[in-house]
Amino acid sequence: MEQIINQYTITTQDELMEKLKLSGINVTQATLSRDIREMQIVKQPDSSGNSRYMIFKSGNQNELERMYRMINGTVTDIRQIQFVNVIHTQPSYANPLAAVVDDLHLDDVAGTLAGYDTIVLFSPSVASAKSINDLFTKHSNPDLLVSSIQD
């Protein structure tokens, strides 16, 4: 349900039920209403001002936890080069992880560029880049890491 809400502009429960049905998931109105409440899905205006369903983020905590899980499950290499961090991920995970980093608007990240399996994180200073490197290293799965070298 979260993926559908993030992928499509859903404005009514009927639209959501239809998208779920097209995905092979049949739900009743009562179940859908309960799930919406439990998943903290709310109607909010999007960037165009149109009201749509979105996942409620309490102080970005959900996204922060999501970023930590993604780092743990996908990052294979972390390298800091002055004010830049080059992050390697498992194939096809760089863009989704960079999108989460972008959504968080972290003070230590000025911007990101992402490809198939590589993210370039630009920081405003070497100290900020070190903080980002430490954060990624802390939440990485050591079994996936190839190395963690700072140049």
C-alpha atoms as a PDB file:
ATOM      1  CA  MET A   1       0.000   0.000   0.000  1.00  0.00           C
ATOM      2  CA  GLU A   2       2.842   2.382   0.866  1.00  0.00           C
ATOM      3  CA  GLN A   3       4.491   1.764  -2.497  1.00  0.00           C
ATOM      4  CA  ILE A   4       1.253   2.529  -4.362  1.00  0.00           C
ATOM      5  CA  ILE A   5       0.691   5.728  -2.373  1.00  0.00           C
ATOM      6  CA  ASN A   6       4.254   6.859  -3.034  1.00  0.00           C
ATOM      7  CA  GLN A   7       4.134   5.911  -6.710  1.00  0.00           C
ATOM      8  CA  TYR A   8       0.699   7.244  -7.714  1.00  0.00           C
ATOM      9  CA  THR A   9      -1.392  10.284  -6.872  1.00  0.00           C
ATOM     10  CA  ILE A  10      -4.196   8.688  -4.875  1.00  0.00           C
ATOM     11  CA  THR A  11      -6.998  11.040  -3.833  1.00  0.00           C
ATOM     12  CA  THR A  12      -9.737   8.636  -2.661  1.00  0.00           C
ATOM     13  CA  GLN A  13     -10.048   5.277  -0.943  1.00  0.00           C
ATOM     14  CA  ASP A  14     -11.798   3.955  -4.066  1.00  0.00           C
ATOM     15  CA  GLU A  15      -8.726   4.833  -6.181  1.00  0.00           C
ATOM     16  CA  LEU A  16      -6.499   3.105  -3.643  1.00  0.00           C
ATOM     17  CA  MET A  17      -8.718   0.002  -3.630  1.00  0.00           C
ATOM     18  CA  GLU A  18      -8.591  -0.096  -7.451  1.00  0.00           C
ATOM     19  CA  LYS A  19      -4.760   0.164  -7.527  1.00  0.00           C
ATOM     20  CA  LEU A  20      -4.502  -2.552  -4.876  1.00  0.00           C
ATOM     21  CA  LYS A  21      -6.873  -4.752  -6.892  1.00  0.00           C
ATOM     22  CA  LEU A  22      -4.756  -4.228 -10.037  1.00  0.00           C
ATOM     23  CA  SER A  23      -1.772  -5.352  -7.952  1.00  0.00           C
ATOM     24  CA  GLY A  24      -3.617  -8.538  -7.014  1.00  0.00           C
ATOM     25  CA  ILE A  25      -4.654  -7.409  -3.528  1.00  0.00           C
ATOM     26  CA  ASN A  26      -8.354  -7.491  -2.731  1.00  0.00           C
ATOM     27  CA  VAL A  27      -9.449  -5.639   0.410  1.00  0.00           C
ATOM     28  CA  THR A  28     -12.738  -4.554   1.894  1.00  0.00           C
ATOM     29  CA  GLN A  29     -13.543  -0.915   2.645  1.00  0.00           C
ATOM     30  CA  ALA A  30     -13.380  -1.646   6.387  1.00  0.00           C
ATOM     31  CA  THR A  31      -9.935  -3.285   6.096  1.00  0.00           C
ATOM     32  CA  LEU A  32      -8.653  -0.448   3.942  1.00  0.00           C
ATOM     33  CA  SER A  33      -9.876   2.182   6.423  1.00  0.00           C
ATOM     34  CA  ARG A  34      -8.227   0.312   9.306  1.00  0.00           C
ATOM     35  CA  ASP A  35      -4.946  -0.062   7.379  1.00  0.00           C
ATOM     36  CA  ILE A  36      -4.957   3.638   6.468  1.00  0.00           C
ATOM     37  CA  ARG A  37      -5.352   4.530  10.131  1.00  0.00           C
ATOM     38  CA  GLU A  38      -2.708   2.053  11.355  1.00  0.00           C
ATOM     39  CA  MET A  39      -0.174   3.046   8.685  1.00  0.00           C
ATOM     40  CA  GLN A  40      -0.728   6.732   9.504  1.00  0.00           C
ATOM     41  CA  ILE A  41      -1.774   7.547   5.947  1.00  0.00           C
ATOM     42  CA  VAL A  42      -3.227  11.042   5.754  1.00  0.00           C
ATOM     43  CA  LYS A  43      -4.596  13.359   3.079  1.00  0.00           C
ATOM     44  CA  GLN A  44      -2.275  16.292   2.502  1.00  0.00           C
ATOM     45  CA  PRO A  45      -1.703  18.786  -0.278  1.00  0.00           C
ATOM     46  CA  ASP A  46       1.154  17.809  -2.568  1.00  0.00           C
ATOM     47  CA  SER A  47       3.616  20.217  -4.180  1.00  0.00           C
ATOM     48  CA  SER A  48       0.927  21.187  -6.721  1.00  0.00           C
ATOM     49  CA  GLY A  49      -1.604  21.940  -3.988  1.00  0.00           C
ATOM     50  CA  ASN A  50      -3.777  18.908  -4.800  1.00  0.00           C
ATOM     51  CA  SER A  51      -5.024  16.840  -1.859  1.00  0.00           C
ATOM     52  CA  ARG A  52      -3.728  13.258  -1.918  1.00  0.00           C
ATOM     53  CA  TYR A  53      -2.921  10.368   0.402  1.00  0.00           C
ATOM     54  CA  MET A  54       0.575  10.419   1.913  1.00  0.00           C
ATOM     55  CA  ILE A  55       2.392   8.523   4.631  1.00  0.00           C
ATOM     56  CA  PHE A  56       2.499  10.721   7.750  1.00  0.00           C
ATOM     57  CA  LYS A  57       6.065  11.320   8.878  1.00  0.00           C
ATOM     58  CA  SER A  58       6.474  12.356  12.471  1.00  0.00           C
ATOM     59  CA  GLY A  59       9.554  14.554  12.405  1.00  0.00           C
ATOM     60  CA  ASN A  60      10.914  12.460   9.540  1.00  0.00           C
ATOM     61  CA  GLN A  61      11.488   9.604  12.017  1.00  0.00           C
ATOM     62  CA  ASN A  62       9.925   7.059   9.648  1.00  0.00           C
ATOM     63  CA  GLU A  63      12.188   8.182   6.799  1.00  0.00           C
ATOM     64  CA  LEU A  64      15.253   8.241   9.051  1.00  0.00           C
ATOM     65  CA  GLU A  65      14.587   4.663  10.154  1.00  0.00           C
ATOM     66  CA  ARG A  66      13.963   3.710   6.531  1.00  0.00           C
ATOM     67  CA  MET A  67      17.312   5.222   5.537  1.00  0.00           C
ATOM     68  CA  TYR A  68      19.088   3.255   8.284  1.00  0.00           C
ATOM     69  CA  ARG A  69      17.444   0.009   7.104  1.00  0.00           C
ATOM     70  CA  MET A  70      18.358   0.751   3.482  1.00  0.00           C
ATOM     71  CA  ILE A  71      21.965   1.524   4.424  1.00  0.00           C
ATOM     72  CA  ASN A  72      22.157  -1.722   6.398  1.00  0.00           C
ATOM     73  CA  GLY A  73      20.684  -3.820   3.613  1.00  0.00           C
ATOM     74  CA  THR A  74      22.292  -2.308   0.517  1.00  0.00           C
ATOM     75  CA  VAL A  75      25.553  -0.390   1.109  1.00  0.00           C
ATOM     76  CA  THR A  76      28.682  -2.241  -0.001  1.00  0.00           C
ATOM     77  CA  ASP A  77      31.336   0.498   0.107  1.00  0.00           C
ATOM     78  CA  ILE A  78      31.790   3.956   1.655  1.00  0.00           C
ATOM     79  CA  ARG A  79      34.621   6.292   0.643  1.00  0.00           C
ATOM     80  CA  GLN A  80      35.151   9.866   1.744  1.00  0.00           C
ATOM     81  CA  ILE A  81      37.164  12.169  -0.526  1.00  0.00           C
ATOM     82  CA  GLN A  82      37.392  15.562   1.143  1.00  0.00           C
ATOM     83  CA  PHE A  83      33.823  16.967   1.190  1.00  0.00           C
ATOM     84  CA  VAL A  84      32.380  14.129  -0.917  1.00  0.00           C
ATOM     85  CA  ASN A  85      31.277  10.618  -0.006  1.00  0.00           C
ATOM     86  CA  VAL A  86      31.031   7.956  -2.687  1.00  0.00           C
ATOM     87  CA  ILE A  87      28.615   5.242  -1.593  1.00  0.00           C
ATOM     88  CA  HIS A  88      28.337   1.948  -3.478  1.00  0.00           C
ATOM     89  CA  THR A  89      25.196  -0.147  -3.101  1.00  0.00           C
ATOM     90  CA  GLN A  90      23.929  -3.439  -4.342  1.00  0.00           C
ATOM     91  CA  PRO A  91      22.676  -3.136  -7.945  1.00  0.00           C
ATOM     92  CA  SER A  92      19.622  -0.862  -8.437  1.00  0.00           C
ATOM     93  CA  TYR A  93      19.532   0.481  -4.864  1.00  0.00           C
ATOM     94  CA  ALA A  94      21.471   3.740  -5.315  1.00  0.00           C
ATOM     95  CA  ASN A  95      18.546   5.827  -6.586  1.00  0.00           C
ATOM     96  CA  PRO A  96      16.046   4.777  -3.896  1.00  0.00           C
ATOM     97  CA  LEU A  97      18.595   5.371  -1.114  1.00  0.00           C
ATOM     98  CA  ALA A  98      19.596   8.761  -2.553  1.00  0.00           C
ATOM     99  CA  ALA A  99      15.910   9.729  -2.772  1.00  0.00           C
ATOM    100  CA  VAL A 100      15.450   8.976   0.934  1.00  0.00           C
ATOM    101  CA  VAL A 101      18.596  10.996   1.780  1.00  0.00           C
ATOM    102  CA  ASP A 102      17.261  13.876  -0.353  1.00  0.00           C
ATOM    103  CA  ASP A 103      13.834  13.726   1.345  1.00  0.00           C
ATOM    104  CA  LEU A 104      15.437  14.021   4.780  1.00  0.00           C
ATOM    105  CA  HIS A 105      17.158  17.341   3.948  1.00  0.00           C
ATOM    106  CA  LEU A 106      20.099  16.458   6.196  1.00  0.00           C
ATOM    107  CA  ASP A 107      22.230  19.466   7.171  1.00  0.00           C
ATOM    108  CA  ASP A 108      25.405  17.540   6.323  1.00  0.00           C
ATOM    109  CA  VAL A 109      24.257  16.802   2.752  1.00  0.00           C
ATOM    110  CA  ALA A 110      24.276  19.588   0.158  1.00  0.00           C
ATOM    111  CA  GLY A 111      23.131  17.282  -2.652  1.00  0.00           C
ATOM    112  CA  THR A 112      23.254  13.825  -4.163  1.00  0.00           C
ATOM    113  CA  LEU A 113      23.842  12.220  -7.539  1.00  0.00           C
ATOM    114  CA  ALA A 114      22.819   8.609  -7.994  1.00  0.00           C
ATOM    115  CA  GLY A 115      23.255   5.976 -10.641  1.00  0.00           C
ATOM    116  CA  TYR A 116      22.641   2.250 -10.794  1.00  0.00           C
ATOM    117  CA  ASP A 117      24.781   1.270  -7.811  1.00  0.00           C
ATOM    118  CA  THR A 118      26.640   4.449  -6.824  1.00  0.00           C
ATOM    119  CA  ILE A 119      25.677   7.577  -4.897  1.00  0.00           C
ATOM    120  CA  VAL A 120      27.826  10.697  -4.717  1.00  0.00           C
ATOM    121  CA  LEU A 121      26.950  12.701  -1.589  1.00  0.00           C
ATOM    122  CA  PHE A 122      28.190  16.282  -1.542  1.00  0.00           C
ATOM    123  CA  SER A 123      28.624  17.938   1.847  1.00  0.00           C
ATOM    124  CA  PRO A 124      29.153  21.617   2.662  1.00  0.00           C
ATOM    125  CA  SER A 125      32.457  20.862   4.432  1.00  0.00           C
ATOM    126  CA  VAL A 126      34.987  18.129   5.133  1.00  0.00           C
ATOM    127  CA  ALA A 127      33.644  17.893   8.713  1.00  0.00           C
ATOM    128  CA  SER A 128      30.083  17.400   7.391  1.00  0.00           C
ATOM    129  CA  ALA A 129      31.322  14.732   4.991  1.00  0.00           C
ATOM    130  CA  LYS A 130      33.035  12.975   7.913  1.00  0.00           C
ATOM    131  CA  SER A 131      29.729  13.009   9.839  1.00  0.00           C
ATOM    132  CA  ILE A 132      27.931  11.456   6.860  1.00  0.00           C
ATOM    133  CA  ASN A 133      30.688   8.879   6.455  1.00  0.00           C
ATOM    134  CA  ASP A 134      30.405   7.990  10.158  1.00  0.00           C
ATOM    135  CA  LEU A 135      26.595   7.734   9.902  1.00  0.00           C
ATOM    136  CA  PHE A 136      26.753   5.412   6.875  1.00  0.00           C
ATOM    137  CA  THR A 137      29.525   3.336   8.461  1.00  0.00           C
ATOM    138  CA  LYS A 138      27.587   3.035  11.732  1.00  0.00           C
ATOM    139  CA  HIS A 139      24.429   1.765  10.013  1.00  0.00           C
ATOM    140  CA  SER A 140      26.117  -0.426   7.395  1.00  0.00           C
ATOM    141  CA  ASN A 141      26.119  -4.192   7.564  1.00  0.00           C
ATOM    142  CA  PRO A 142      29.802  -5.213   7.983  1.00  0.00           C
ATOM    143  CA  ASP A 143      29.087  -8.423   6.067  1.00  0.00           C
ATOM    144  CA  LEU A 144      28.184  -6.394   2.944  1.00  0.00           C
ATOM    145  CA  LEU A 145      31.027  -3.878   3.129  1.00  0.00           C
ATOM    146  CA  VAL A 146      33.923  -4.338   0.733  1.00  0.00           C
ATOM    147  CA  SER A 147      35.943  -1.644   2.509  1.00  0.00           C
ATOM    148  CA  SER A 148      35.619   1.668   4.293  1.00  0.00           C
ATOM    149  CA  ILE A 149      38.523   3.843   3.178  1.00  0.00           C
ATOM    150  CA  GLN A 150      38.910   7.568   3.679  1.00  0.00           C
ATOM    151  CA  ASP A 151      41.197   9.413   1.252  1.00  0.00           C
END
